[in-house]
C-alpha cells in the first residue's frame, strides 16, 4: 500500500526545545484502514545496530508536537528509537472527515505504529513497546490486549475514554436513561450534520475560563491555552472533536479484556489527578507479576504532560530496559 502524500511541516514547531542528543525526522506509515499517519522519529545520535523501539501518542485531542513528542524525544535520549504520531484524522495525519475519534481506529493506530517500527532496519522487532498519555493511555492498554508484538506498555495519567463518555466523571451519570438522552442528542446532531454536509465541533478546552471552573479544567487551560502547551493543530487548543465522535465510545468498553494482557504494563498517575481512578481500576483488572501502578506524590493530571521534575523518566527507562530485553 502506498502512503498518502501528506503536507508535513519541516520546521521545528514543537512546544518543547529540540534535543542535541538525538536525530529527528518526519516519517509516515499507514494503518489497516488505509489511513496514512504522520510521525516524528527520534533516533539516538551515533546509534548502531538494532535498537529497542517505542511508539508514543496522546493526550486525547493533542498532537505530536505537544506531550507525546516530549516523551518520545526524552526516551530517545536513553537509547530507544522512538516515534510520536498524530492519530488518524488529526494533526498532520490523514483521514476524512477531520477530527474524528474512534475506539477501534485509534487502537489500530498504535498497532500500525508497531507495524512500522517492526520493519525498520535499525529496530529489533522483538523489543517494541508503547507509551500512551491521557486518553491514549487507555488506547495503549487496549492495543496491548490484542497485539502480542507489544512487549511493554506504559500508560501515563490514563483516561478510559469509553467509561467517562458513557458514565461521566466518577461514574456520576451511570444510568441507562442518562445514556439514552446523550445518544438521542448526538443522533439528532448526526441528522443536522448530514443536512449541512459538515460536522459540528464539540469545542476544545473551555475559553474563556469560568471563575468557578473545577481545578482540573483550570489545569487543562493552563496547558492547552497558554504558551506552555498551545499548538495550532491541537484539537484541545482549538475547536475540539466532532460532536458525534462520542457515540461509539458509549458503546464499546475498550478495557473489557485488560485482564488478558500477558506483557508488562506500567500505569503512572498523579496523586492529585482527578483521573487517578481510571488507572487504579485498570490495575485491579491486570494479572501477573509484571504489572505496576506508580503514583507520583503531589502531581496533577496535566503535570505528567510536561513537568520534567515530576514525570518519572528514570522509572520509564528502567521499565522498558527490563521488558524489552
C-alpha atoms as a PDB file:
ATOM      1  CA  UNK A   1       0.000   0.000   0.000  1.00  0.00           C
ATOM      2  CA  UNK A   2       1.285   3.449  -0.906  1.00  0.00           C
ATOM      3  CA  UNK A   3       1.099   6.047   1.833  1.00  0.00           C
ATOM      4  CA  UNK A   4      -0.981   9.124   1.102  1.00  0.00           C
ATOM      5  CA  UNK A   5       1.049  12.233   0.380  1.00  0.00           C
ATOM      6  CA  UNK A   6       0.791  14.419   3.472  1.00  0.00           C
ATOM      7  CA  UNK A   7       1.705  18.061   3.908  1.00  0.00           C
ATOM      8  CA  UNK A   8       4.320  17.778   6.645  1.00  0.00           C
ATOM      9  CA  UNK A   9       5.839  20.780   8.375  1.00  0.00           C
ATOM     10  CA  UNK A  10       9.626  20.505   8.244  1.00  0.00           C
ATOM     11  CA  UNK A  11      10.373  23.318  10.666  1.00  0.00           C
ATOM     12  CA  UNK A  12      10.627  22.631  14.402  1.00  0.00           C
ATOM     13  CA  UNK A  13       7.211  23.688  15.690  1.00  0.00           C
ATOM     14  CA  UNK A  14       7.074  21.737  18.956  1.00  0.00           C
ATOM     15  CA  UNK A  15       6.117  23.252  22.310  1.00  0.00           C
ATOM     16  CA  UNK A  16       9.365  21.853  23.769  1.00  0.00           C
ATOM     17  CA  UNK A  17      13.016  22.561  22.843  1.00  0.00           C
ATOM     18  CA  UNK A  18      14.921  20.343  20.437  1.00  0.00           C
ATOM     19  CA  UNK A  19      17.463  17.973  21.964  1.00  0.00           C
ATOM     20  CA  UNK A  20      21.040  17.910  20.673  1.00  0.00           C
ATOM     21  CA  UNK A  21      21.357  14.262  21.756  1.00  0.00           C
ATOM     22  CA  UNK A  22      19.025  12.770  19.125  1.00  0.00           C
ATOM     23  CA  UNK A  23      18.394  12.982  15.402  1.00  0.00           C
ATOM     24  CA  UNK A  24      14.906  13.901  14.242  1.00  0.00           C
ATOM     25  CA  UNK A  25      12.963  13.455  11.023  1.00  0.00           C
ATOM     26  CA  UNK A  26       9.372  13.226   9.810  1.00  0.00           C
ATOM     27  CA  UNK A  27       8.029   9.830   8.690  1.00  0.00           C
ATOM     28  CA  UNK A  28       4.694   8.396   7.561  1.00  0.00           C
ATOM     29  CA  UNK A  29       3.068   4.976   7.866  1.00  0.00           C
ATOM     30  CA  UNK A  30      -0.407   3.573   7.256  1.00  0.00           C
ATOM     31  CA  UNK A  31      -2.891   1.640   9.327  1.00  0.00           C
ATOM     32  CA  UNK A  32      -5.051  -1.255   8.147  1.00  0.00           C
ATOM     33  CA  UNK A  33      -7.872   1.136   7.292  1.00  0.00           C
ATOM     34  CA  UNK A  34      -5.648   2.764   4.684  1.00  0.00           C
ATOM     35  CA  UNK A  35      -5.169   5.986   6.652  1.00  0.00           C
ATOM     36  CA  UNK A  36      -1.687   7.489   6.469  1.00  0.00           C
ATOM     37  CA  UNK A  37      -0.289   8.666   9.781  1.00  0.00           C
ATOM     38  CA  UNK A  38       2.344  11.338  10.347  1.00  0.00           C
ATOM     39  CA  UNK A  39       5.040  10.895  12.964  1.00  0.00           C
ATOM     40  CA  UNK A  40       8.218  12.409  14.321  1.00  0.00           C
ATOM     41  CA  UNK A  41      11.011   9.846  14.509  1.00  0.00           C
ATOM     42  CA  UNK A  42      13.738  10.332  17.115  1.00  0.00           C
ATOM     43  CA  UNK A  43      16.969   8.327  16.946  1.00  0.00           C
ATOM     44  CA  UNK A  44      19.860   8.472  19.449  1.00  0.00           C
ATOM     45  CA  UNK A  45      22.858  10.150  17.860  1.00  0.00           C
ATOM     46  CA  UNK A  46      25.571   7.721  16.738  1.00  0.00           C
ATOM     47  CA  UNK A  47      23.307   4.732  17.392  1.00  0.00           C
ATOM     48  CA  UNK A  48      24.412   1.440  15.851  1.00  0.00           C
ATOM     49  CA  UNK A  49      22.753  -1.935  15.408  1.00  0.00           C
ATOM     50  CA  UNK A  50      19.166  -2.884  16.105  1.00  0.00           C
ATOM     51  CA  UNK A  51      17.569  -0.716  18.777  1.00  0.00           C
ATOM     52  CA  UNK A  52      14.606  -1.212  21.077  1.00  0.00           C
ATOM     53  CA  UNK A  53      11.744   0.987  19.894  1.00  0.00           C
ATOM     54  CA  UNK A  54       8.793   2.838  21.450  1.00  0.00           C
ATOM     55  CA  UNK A  55       5.724   4.420  19.856  1.00  0.00           C
ATOM     56  CA  UNK A  56       4.087   7.310  21.736  1.00  0.00           C
ATOM     57  CA  UNK A  57       0.748   9.094  21.344  1.00  0.00           C
ATOM     58  CA  UNK A  58      -1.609  11.292  23.329  1.00  0.00           C
ATOM     59  CA  UNK A  59      -3.103  13.052  25.139  1.00  0.00           C
ATOM     60  CA  UNK A  60      -6.644  12.728  23.757  1.00  0.00           C
ATOM     61  CA  UNK A  61      -7.071  15.638  21.348  1.00  0.00           C
ATOM     62  CA  UNK A  62      -3.393  16.618  21.411  1.00  0.00           C
ATOM     63  CA  UNK A  63      -0.798  16.438  18.639  1.00  0.00           C
ATOM     64  CA  UNK A  64       2.718  15.035  18.433  1.00  0.00           C
ATOM     65  CA  UNK A  65       4.199  18.499  18.844  1.00  0.00           C
ATOM     66  CA  UNK A  66       2.973  18.504  22.433  1.00  0.00           C
ATOM     67  CA  UNK A  67       3.351  15.922  25.208  1.00  0.00           C
ATOM     68  CA  UNK A  68       3.899  12.784  23.110  1.00  0.00           C
ATOM     69  CA  UNK A  69       6.814  14.361  21.263  1.00  0.00           C
ATOM     70  CA  UNK A  70       8.383  15.404  24.560  1.00  0.00           C
ATOM     71  CA  UNK A  71       8.174  11.815  25.811  1.00  0.00           C
ATOM     72  CA  UNK A  72       9.482  10.374  22.534  1.00  0.00           C
ATOM     73  CA  UNK A  73      12.460  12.717  22.396  1.00  0.00           C
ATOM     74  CA  UNK A  74      13.374  12.074  26.031  1.00  0.00           C
ATOM     75  CA  UNK A  75      13.156   8.291  25.649  1.00  0.00           C
ATOM     76  CA  UNK A  76      15.363   8.522  22.555  1.00  0.00           C
ATOM     77  CA  UNK A  77      17.984  10.186  24.743  1.00  0.00           C
ATOM     78  CA  UNK A  78      18.012   6.951  26.768  1.00  0.00           C
ATOM     79  CA  UNK A  79      18.848   4.938  23.652  1.00  0.00           C
ATOM     80  CA  UNK A  80      15.491   3.936  22.155  1.00  0.00           C
ATOM     81  CA  UNK A  81      14.348   4.619  18.620  1.00  0.00           C
ATOM     82  CA  UNK A  82      11.020   6.362  19.136  1.00  0.00           C
ATOM     83  CA  UNK A  83       8.132   7.830  17.200  1.00  0.00           C
ATOM     84  CA  UNK A  84       5.452  10.264  18.331  1.00  0.00           C
ATOM     85  CA  UNK A  85       2.478  10.080  15.972  1.00  0.00           C
ATOM     86  CA  UNK A  86      -0.700  12.009  15.252  1.00  0.00           C
ATOM     87  CA  UNK A  87      -3.726   9.675  15.417  1.00  0.00           C
ATOM     88  CA  UNK A  88      -5.987   9.224  12.409  1.00  0.00           C
ATOM     89  CA  UNK A  89      -7.995  12.279  11.345  1.00  0.00           C
ATOM     90  CA  UNK A  90      -5.918  14.688  13.458  1.00  0.00           C
ATOM     91  CA  UNK A  91      -2.813  16.833  13.272  1.00  0.00           C
ATOM     92  CA  UNK A  92      -0.721  16.143  10.187  1.00  0.00           C
ATOM     93  CA  UNK A  93      -2.121  12.630   9.747  1.00  0.00           C
ATOM     94  CA  UNK A  94      -4.594  11.739   7.007  1.00  0.00           C
ATOM     95  CA  UNK A  95      -8.192  10.618   7.110  1.00  0.00           C
ATOM     96  CA  UNK A  96     -11.511  12.253   6.245  1.00  0.00           C
ATOM     97  CA  UNK A  97     -13.574  13.727   7.750  1.00  0.00           C
ATOM     98  CA  UNK A  98     -11.314  15.561  10.146  1.00  0.00           C
ATOM     99  CA  UNK A  99     -11.421  15.473  13.936  1.00  0.00           C
ATOM    100  CA  UNK A 100     -12.947  12.012  14.314  1.00  0.00           C
ATOM    101  CA  UNK A 101     -12.111   9.819  17.299  1.00  0.00           C
ATOM    102  CA  UNK A 102     -12.760   6.069  17.261  1.00  0.00           C
ATOM    103  CA  UNK A 103     -12.034   3.463  19.943  1.00  0.00           C
ATOM    104  CA  UNK A 104     -11.290   0.928  17.198  1.00  0.00           C
ATOM    105  CA  UNK A 105      -9.314   3.028  14.729  1.00  0.00           C
ATOM    106  CA  UNK A 106      -7.308   4.791  17.420  1.00  0.00           C
ATOM    107  CA  UNK A 107      -6.332   1.472  18.991  1.00  0.00           C
ATOM    108  CA  UNK A 108      -5.369   0.320  15.495  1.00  0.00           C
ATOM    109  CA  UNK A 109      -3.174   3.433  15.163  1.00  0.00           C
ATOM    110  CA  UNK A 110      -0.930   2.055  17.926  1.00  0.00           C
ATOM    111  CA  UNK A 111      -0.795  -1.355  16.249  1.00  0.00           C
ATOM    112  CA  UNK A 112       0.059   0.318  12.932  1.00  0.00           C
ATOM    113  CA  UNK A 113       2.900   2.135  14.677  1.00  0.00           C
ATOM    114  CA  UNK A 114       4.175  -1.267  15.782  1.00  0.00           C
ATOM    115  CA  UNK A 115       3.920  -2.429  12.141  1.00  0.00           C
ATOM    116  CA  UNK A 116       6.110   0.481  11.092  1.00  0.00           C
ATOM    117  CA  UNK A 117       8.688   0.054  13.830  1.00  0.00           C
ATOM    118  CA  UNK A 118       8.920  -3.705  13.367  1.00  0.00           C
ATOM    119  CA  UNK A 119      10.175  -3.413   9.767  1.00  0.00           C
ATOM    120  CA  UNK A 120      12.807  -0.729  10.301  1.00  0.00           C
ATOM    121  CA  UNK A 121      16.340  -1.985   9.654  1.00  0.00           C
ATOM    122  CA  UNK A 122      17.645  -0.370  12.839  1.00  0.00           C
ATOM    123  CA  UNK A 123      14.903  -1.762  15.102  1.00  0.00           C
ATOM    124  CA  UNK A 124      14.775  -5.121  16.874  1.00  0.00           C
ATOM    125  CA  UNK A 125      11.160  -6.244  16.226  1.00  0.00           C
ATOM    126  CA  UNK A 126      11.234  -8.352  19.383  1.00  0.00           C
ATOM    127  CA  UNK A 127      11.835  -5.229  21.502  1.00  0.00           C
ATOM    128  CA  UNK A 128       8.936  -2.874  20.774  1.00  0.00           C
ATOM    129  CA  UNK A 129       6.915  -1.005  23.390  1.00  0.00           C
ATOM    130  CA  UNK A 130       4.345   1.785  23.508  1.00  0.00           C
ATOM    131  CA  UNK A 131       3.518   4.798  25.673  1.00  0.00           C
ATOM    132  CA  UNK A 132       0.007   6.256  25.771  1.00  0.00           C
ATOM    133  CA  UNK A 133      -0.817   9.520  27.521  1.00  0.00           C
ATOM    134  CA  UNK A 134      -4.237  10.527  28.906  1.00  0.00           C
ATOM    135  CA  UNK A 135      -6.963   9.125  26.619  1.00  0.00           C
ATOM    136  CA  UNK A 136      -4.305   7.405  24.567  1.00  0.00           C
ATOM    137  CA  UNK A 137      -3.211   5.616  27.726  1.00  0.00           C
ATOM    138  CA  UNK A 138      -6.471   3.686  27.510  1.00  0.00           C
ATOM    139  CA  UNK A 139      -5.920   3.065  23.803  1.00  0.00           C
ATOM    140  CA  UNK A 140      -2.410   1.806  24.555  1.00  0.00           C
ATOM    141  CA  UNK A 141      -3.674  -0.677  27.141  1.00  0.00           C
ATOM    142  CA  UNK A 142      -6.323  -1.824  24.650  1.00  0.00           C
ATOM    143  CA  UNK A 143      -3.651  -2.247  21.978  1.00  0.00           C
ATOM    144  CA  UNK A 144      -1.636  -4.378  24.395  1.00  0.00           C
ATOM    145  CA  UNK A 145      -4.680  -6.636  24.830  1.00  0.00           C
ATOM    146  CA  UNK A 146      -4.803  -7.507  21.141  1.00  0.00           C
ATOM    147  CA  UNK A 147      -1.247  -7.018  19.853  1.00  0.00           C
ATOM    148  CA  UNK A 148       1.121  -9.674  21.173  1.00  0.00           C
ATOM    149  CA  UNK A 149       4.074  -7.959  19.489  1.00  0.00           C
ATOM    150  CA  UNK A 150       3.912  -5.219  22.133  1.00  0.00           C
ATOM    151  CA  UNK A 151       6.293  -6.314  24.862  1.00  0.00           C
ATOM    152  CA  UNK A 152       5.779  -3.409  27.277  1.00  0.00           C
ATOM    153  CA  UNK A 153       3.138  -0.694  27.703  1.00  0.00           C
ATOM    154  CA  UNK A 154       3.293   2.466  29.805  1.00  0.00           C
ATOM    155  CA  UNK A 155       0.027   4.361  30.337  1.00  0.00           C
ATOM    156  CA  UNK A 156       0.624   7.845  31.704  1.00  0.00           C
ATOM    157  CA  UNK A 157      -2.118   9.804  33.529  1.00  0.00           C
ATOM    158  CA  UNK A 158      -4.591   7.464  31.811  1.00  0.00           C
ATOM    159  CA  UNK A 159      -8.206   8.096  30.836  1.00  0.00           C
ATOM    160  CA  UNK A 160     -10.646   5.361  29.883  1.00  0.00           C
ATOM    161  CA  UNK A 161     -12.468   7.441  27.269  1.00  0.00           C
ATOM    162  CA  UNK A 162     -15.229   4.867  26.844  1.00  0.00           C
ATOM    163  CA  UNK A 163     -16.028   4.844  30.559  1.00  0.00           C
ATOM    164  CA  UNK A 164     -16.023   8.614  31.041  1.00  0.00           C
ATOM    165  CA  UNK A 165     -18.075   9.160  27.883  1.00  0.00           C
ATOM    166  CA  UNK A 166     -20.708   6.622  28.872  1.00  0.00           C
ATOM    167  CA  UNK A 167     -20.816   7.277  32.618  1.00  0.00           C
ATOM    168  CA  UNK A 168     -19.456  10.778  33.185  1.00  0.00           C
ATOM    169  CA  UNK A 169     -16.707  11.615  35.648  1.00  0.00           C
ATOM    170  CA  UNK A 170     -16.576   9.333  38.683  1.00  0.00           C
ATOM    171  CA  UNK A 171     -19.451   7.353  37.086  1.00  0.00           C
ATOM    172  CA  UNK A 172     -21.878  10.064  38.232  1.00  0.00           C
ATOM    173  CA  UNK A 173     -24.014   9.648  35.084  1.00  0.00           C
ATOM    174  CA  UNK A 174     -24.162   5.859  35.131  1.00  0.00           C
ATOM    175  CA  UNK A 175     -27.792   5.319  34.260  1.00  0.00           C
ATOM    176  CA  UNK A 176     -29.477   3.925  31.176  1.00  0.00           C
ATOM    177  CA  UNK A 177     -31.738   6.972  30.901  1.00  0.00           C
ATOM    178  CA  UNK A 178     -28.804   9.392  31.005  1.00  0.00           C
ATOM    179  CA  UNK A 179     -27.012   7.442  28.310  1.00  0.00           C
ATOM    180  CA  UNK A 180     -30.192   7.331  26.219  1.00  0.00           C
ATOM    181  CA  UNK A 181     -30.522  11.115  26.368  1.00  0.00           C
ATOM    182  CA  UNK A 182     -26.875  11.559  25.382  1.00  0.00           C
ATOM    183  CA  UNK A 183     -27.312   9.228  22.429  1.00  0.00           C
ATOM    184  CA  UNK A 184     -30.550  10.896  21.359  1.00  0.00           C
ATOM    185  CA  UNK A 185     -28.826  14.306  21.302  1.00  0.00           C
ATOM    186  CA  UNK A 186     -25.861  13.038  19.323  1.00  0.00           C
ATOM    187  CA  UNK A 187     -28.004  11.208  16.807  1.00  0.00           C
ATOM    188  CA  UNK A 188     -30.015  14.382  16.292  1.00  0.00           C
ATOM    189  CA  UNK A 189     -26.686  16.058  15.581  1.00  0.00           C
ATOM    190  CA  UNK A 190     -25.931  13.360  13.006  1.00  0.00           C
ATOM    191  CA  UNK A 191     -29.051  14.399  11.117  1.00  0.00           C
ATOM    192  CA  UNK A 192     -28.045  18.058  11.230  1.00  0.00           C
ATOM    193  CA  UNK A 193     -24.514  17.220  10.121  1.00  0.00           C
ATOM    194  CA  UNK A 194     -25.839  15.286   7.152  1.00  0.00           C
ATOM    195  CA  UNK A 195     -28.127  18.161   6.174  1.00  0.00           C
ATOM    196  CA  UNK A 196     -25.292  20.686   6.312  1.00  0.00           C
ATOM    197  CA  UNK A 197     -22.670  18.331   4.865  1.00  0.00           C
ATOM    198  CA  UNK A 198     -20.345  19.337   7.686  1.00  0.00           C
ATOM    199  CA  UNK A 199     -19.531  18.198  11.202  1.00  0.00           C
ATOM    200  CA  UNK A 200     -20.249  20.281  14.292  1.00  0.00           C
ATOM    201  CA  UNK A 201     -17.305  20.537  16.661  1.00  0.00           C
ATOM    202  CA  UNK A 202     -17.662  19.938  20.380  1.00  0.00           C
ATOM    203  CA  UNK A 203     -15.195  22.683  21.307  1.00  0.00           C
ATOM    204  CA  UNK A 204     -11.741  22.271  22.785  1.00  0.00           C
ATOM    205  CA  UNK A 205     -10.694  23.329  26.275  1.00  0.00           C
ATOM    206  CA  UNK A 206     -13.115  25.984  27.536  1.00  0.00           C
ATOM    207  CA  UNK A 207     -12.052  29.554  26.768  1.00  0.00           C
ATOM    208  CA  UNK A 208     -12.541  31.980  28.428  1.00  0.00           C
ATOM    209  CA  UNK A 209     -12.082  30.105  31.670  1.00  0.00           C
ATOM    210  CA  UNK A 210     -15.053  30.443  34.054  1.00  0.00           C
ATOM    211  CA  UNK A 211     -14.233  31.609  37.576  1.00  0.00           C
ATOM    212  CA  UNK A 212     -15.964  28.564  39.036  1.00  0.00           C
ATOM    213  CA  UNK A 213     -14.231  26.019  36.786  1.00  0.00           C
ATOM    214  CA  UNK A 214     -13.040  22.844  38.546  1.00  0.00           C
ATOM    215  CA  UNK A 215      -9.312  22.699  39.221  1.00  0.00           C
ATOM    216  CA  UNK A 216      -8.699  20.055  36.555  1.00  0.00           C
ATOM    217  CA  UNK A 217     -10.334  22.305  33.936  1.00  0.00           C
ATOM    218  CA  UNK A 218      -8.054  25.136  35.079  1.00  0.00           C
ATOM    219  CA  UNK A 219      -5.127  22.734  34.675  1.00  0.00           C
ATOM    220  CA  UNK A 220      -6.178  21.884  31.123  1.00  0.00           C
ATOM    221  CA  UNK A 221      -6.474  25.594  30.316  1.00  0.00           C
ATOM    222  CA  UNK A 222      -3.009  26.244  31.752  1.00  0.00           C
ATOM    223  CA  UNK A 223      -1.560  23.672  29.340  1.00  0.00           C
ATOM    224  CA  UNK A 224      -3.563  23.917  26.123  1.00  0.00           C
ATOM    225  CA  UNK A 225      -4.471  27.607  26.082  1.00  0.00           C
ATOM    226  CA  UNK A 226      -1.171  29.188  27.085  1.00  0.00           C
ATOM    227  CA  UNK A 227       2.321  29.329  25.612  1.00  0.00           C
ATOM    228  CA  UNK A 228       3.190  26.300  27.732  1.00  0.00           C
ATOM    229  CA  UNK A 229       1.293  23.876  25.500  1.00  0.00           C
ATOM    230  CA  UNK A 230      -0.801  25.681  22.885  1.00  0.00           C
ATOM    231  CA  UNK A 231      -0.431  24.363  19.344  1.00  0.00           C
ATOM    232  CA  UNK A 232      -2.435  25.481  16.294  1.00  0.00           C
ATOM    233  CA  UNK A 233      -3.109  21.880  15.192  1.00  0.00           C
ATOM    234  CA  UNK A 234      -4.177  20.643  18.628  1.00  0.00           C
ATOM    235  CA  UNK A 235      -7.892  19.920  18.935  1.00  0.00           C
ATOM    236  CA  UNK A 236      -7.811  20.719  22.645  1.00  0.00           C
ATOM    237  CA  UNK A 237      -6.179  24.068  21.956  1.00  0.00           C
ATOM    238  CA  UNK A 238      -8.836  24.917  19.374  1.00  0.00           C
ATOM    239  CA  UNK A 239     -12.233  23.618  18.163  1.00  0.00           C
ATOM    240  CA  UNK A 240     -12.200  20.096  19.563  1.00  0.00           C
ATOM    241  CA  UNK A 241     -13.537  16.785  18.236  1.00  0.00           C
ATOM    242  CA  UNK A 242     -16.646  16.242  16.141  1.00  0.00           C
ATOM    243  CA  UNK A 243     -19.658  16.108  18.452  1.00  0.00           C
ATOM    244  CA  UNK A 244     -20.734  12.734  17.102  1.00  0.00           C
ATOM    245  CA  UNK A 245     -17.341  11.128  17.768  1.00  0.00           C
ATOM    246  CA  UNK A 246     -18.585  10.292  21.251  1.00  0.00           C
ATOM    247  CA  UNK A 247     -21.229   7.828  20.027  1.00  0.00           C
ATOM    248  CA  UNK A 248     -19.022   4.724  19.601  1.00  0.00           C
ATOM    249  CA  UNK A 249     -17.246   5.453  22.894  1.00  0.00           C
ATOM    250  CA  UNK A 250     -20.553   4.971  24.684  1.00  0.00           C
ATOM    251  CA  UNK A 251     -20.985   1.536  23.146  1.00  0.00           C
ATOM    252  CA  UNK A 252     -17.538  -0.099  23.188  1.00  0.00           C
ATOM    253  CA  UNK A 253     -15.808  -0.525  26.568  1.00  0.00           C
ATOM    254  CA  UNK A 254     -12.192  -0.735  25.415  1.00  0.00           C
ATOM    255  CA  UNK A 255     -10.705  -2.225  28.586  1.00  0.00           C
ATOM    256  CA  UNK A 256     -13.085  -5.153  28.979  1.00  0.00           C
ATOM    257  CA  UNK A 257     -10.340  -7.716  28.334  1.00  0.00           C
ATOM    258  CA  UNK A 258      -7.452  -5.962  30.074  1.00  0.00           C
ATOM    259  CA  UNK A 259      -7.037  -8.997  32.331  1.00  0.00           C
ATOM    260  CA  UNK A 260      -5.779 -10.964  29.312  1.00  0.00           C
ATOM    261  CA  UNK A 261      -2.631  -8.858  28.804  1.00  0.00           C
ATOM    262  CA  UNK A 262       0.441 -11.062  29.268  1.00  0.00           C
ATOM    263  CA  UNK A 263       3.085  -8.417  28.528  1.00  0.00           C
ATOM    264  CA  UNK A 264       4.360  -5.845  31.013  1.00  0.00           C
ATOM    265  CA  UNK A 265       2.205  -2.832  31.924  1.00  0.00           C
ATOM    266  CA  UNK A 266       3.207   0.256  33.892  1.00  0.00           C
ATOM    267  CA  UNK A 267       0.467   2.670  34.970  1.00  0.00           C
ATOM    268  CA  UNK A 268       1.621   6.099  36.169  1.00  0.00           C
ATOM    269  CA  UNK A 269      -0.705   8.655  37.708  1.00  0.00           C
ATOM    270  CA  UNK A 270      -0.543  11.819  39.784  1.00  0.00           C
ATOM    271  CA  UNK A 271      -1.618  11.653  43.409  1.00  0.00           C
ATOM    272  CA  UNK A 272      -3.869  14.701  42.959  1.00  0.00           C
ATOM    273  CA  UNK A 273      -5.173  13.832  39.482  1.00  0.00           C
ATOM    274  CA  UNK A 274      -8.959  13.838  39.071  1.00  0.00           C
ATOM    275  CA  UNK A 275      -8.447  10.916  36.666  1.00  0.00           C
ATOM    276  CA  UNK A 276      -6.478   8.721  39.051  1.00  0.00           C
ATOM    277  CA  UNK A 277      -9.367   6.267  39.456  1.00  0.00           C
ATOM    278  CA  UNK A 278      -9.007   5.158  35.828  1.00  0.00           C
ATOM    279  CA  UNK A 279      -5.520   3.751  36.423  1.00  0.00           C
ATOM    280  CA  UNK A 280      -6.492   2.271  39.774  1.00  0.00           C
ATOM    281  CA  UNK A 281      -9.435   0.460  38.181  1.00  0.00           C
ATOM    282  CA  UNK A 282      -7.367  -0.938  35.331  1.00  0.00           C
ATOM    283  CA  UNK A 283      -4.613  -2.038  37.700  1.00  0.00           C
ATOM    284  CA  UNK A 284      -7.145  -4.178  39.574  1.00  0.00           C
ATOM    285  CA  UNK A 285      -8.015  -5.920  36.294  1.00  0.00           C
ATOM    286  CA  UNK A 286      -4.437  -6.731  35.330  1.00  0.00           C
ATOM    287  CA  UNK A 287      -2.967 -10.128  36.168  1.00  0.00           C
ATOM    288  CA  UNK A 288       0.577 -11.353  36.626  1.00  0.00           C
ATOM    289  CA  UNK A 289       3.634 -10.042  38.415  1.00  0.00           C
ATOM    290  CA  UNK A 290       4.825  -7.672  35.668  1.00  0.00           C
ATOM    291  CA  UNK A 291       2.114  -5.051  36.281  1.00  0.00           C
ATOM    292  CA  UNK A 292       2.785  -1.912  38.311  1.00  0.00           C
ATOM    293  CA  UNK A 293       0.900   1.208  39.411  1.00  0.00           C
ATOM    294  CA  UNK A 294       3.142   4.168  40.227  1.00  0.00           C
ATOM    295  CA  UNK A 295       1.541   7.182  41.956  1.00  0.00           C
ATOM    296  CA  UNK A 296       3.505  10.436  41.742  1.00  0.00           C
ATOM    297  CA  UNK A 297       3.210  12.441  45.004  1.00  0.00           C
ATOM    298  CA  UNK A 298       1.638  15.862  44.625  1.00  0.00           C
ATOM    299  CA  UNK A 299       1.167  15.599  40.851  1.00  0.00           C
ATOM    300  CA  UNK A 300      -1.983  16.616  38.969  1.00  0.00           C
ATOM    301  CA  UNK A 301      -3.271  15.090  35.734  1.00  0.00           C
ATOM    302  CA  UNK A 302      -1.555  17.598  33.446  1.00  0.00           C
ATOM    303  CA  UNK A 303       1.688  17.672  35.422  1.00  0.00           C
ATOM    304  CA  UNK A 304       2.526  14.399  33.688  1.00  0.00           C
ATOM    305  CA  UNK A 305       2.140  16.066  30.298  1.00  0.00           C
ATOM    306  CA  UNK A 306       5.310  18.119  30.530  1.00  0.00           C
ATOM    307  CA  UNK A 307       6.675  18.694  34.028  1.00  0.00           C
ATOM    308  CA  UNK A 308      10.125  17.159  33.761  1.00  0.00           C
ATOM    309  CA  UNK A 309      10.673  17.153  37.523  1.00  0.00           C
ATOM    310  CA  UNK A 310       7.557  15.014  38.046  1.00  0.00           C
ATOM    311  CA  UNK A 311       7.482  12.679  35.038  1.00  0.00           C
ATOM    312  CA  UNK A 312       9.390   9.556  36.197  1.00  0.00           C
ATOM    313  CA  UNK A 313      11.574   9.141  33.119  1.00  0.00           C
ATOM    314  CA  UNK A 314      14.186   7.117  35.025  1.00  0.00           C
ATOM    315  CA  UNK A 315      11.446   4.691  36.015  1.00  0.00           C
ATOM    316  CA  UNK A 316      10.208   4.535  32.410  1.00  0.00           C
ATOM    317  CA  UNK A 317      13.728   3.768  31.225  1.00  0.00           C
ATOM    318  CA  UNK A 318      14.147   1.006  33.805  1.00  0.00           C
ATOM    319  CA  UNK A 319      10.736  -0.432  32.936  1.00  0.00           C
ATOM    320  CA  UNK A 320      11.475  -0.610  29.221  1.00  0.00           C
ATOM    321  CA  UNK A 321      15.044  -1.839  29.740  1.00  0.00           C
ATOM    322  CA  UNK A 322      13.771  -4.747  31.802  1.00  0.00           C
ATOM    323  CA  UNK A 323      10.919  -5.662  29.484  1.00  0.00           C
ATOM    324  CA  UNK A 324      12.492  -5.003  26.078  1.00  0.00           C
ATOM    325  CA  UNK A 325      15.491  -7.241  26.703  1.00  0.00           C
END
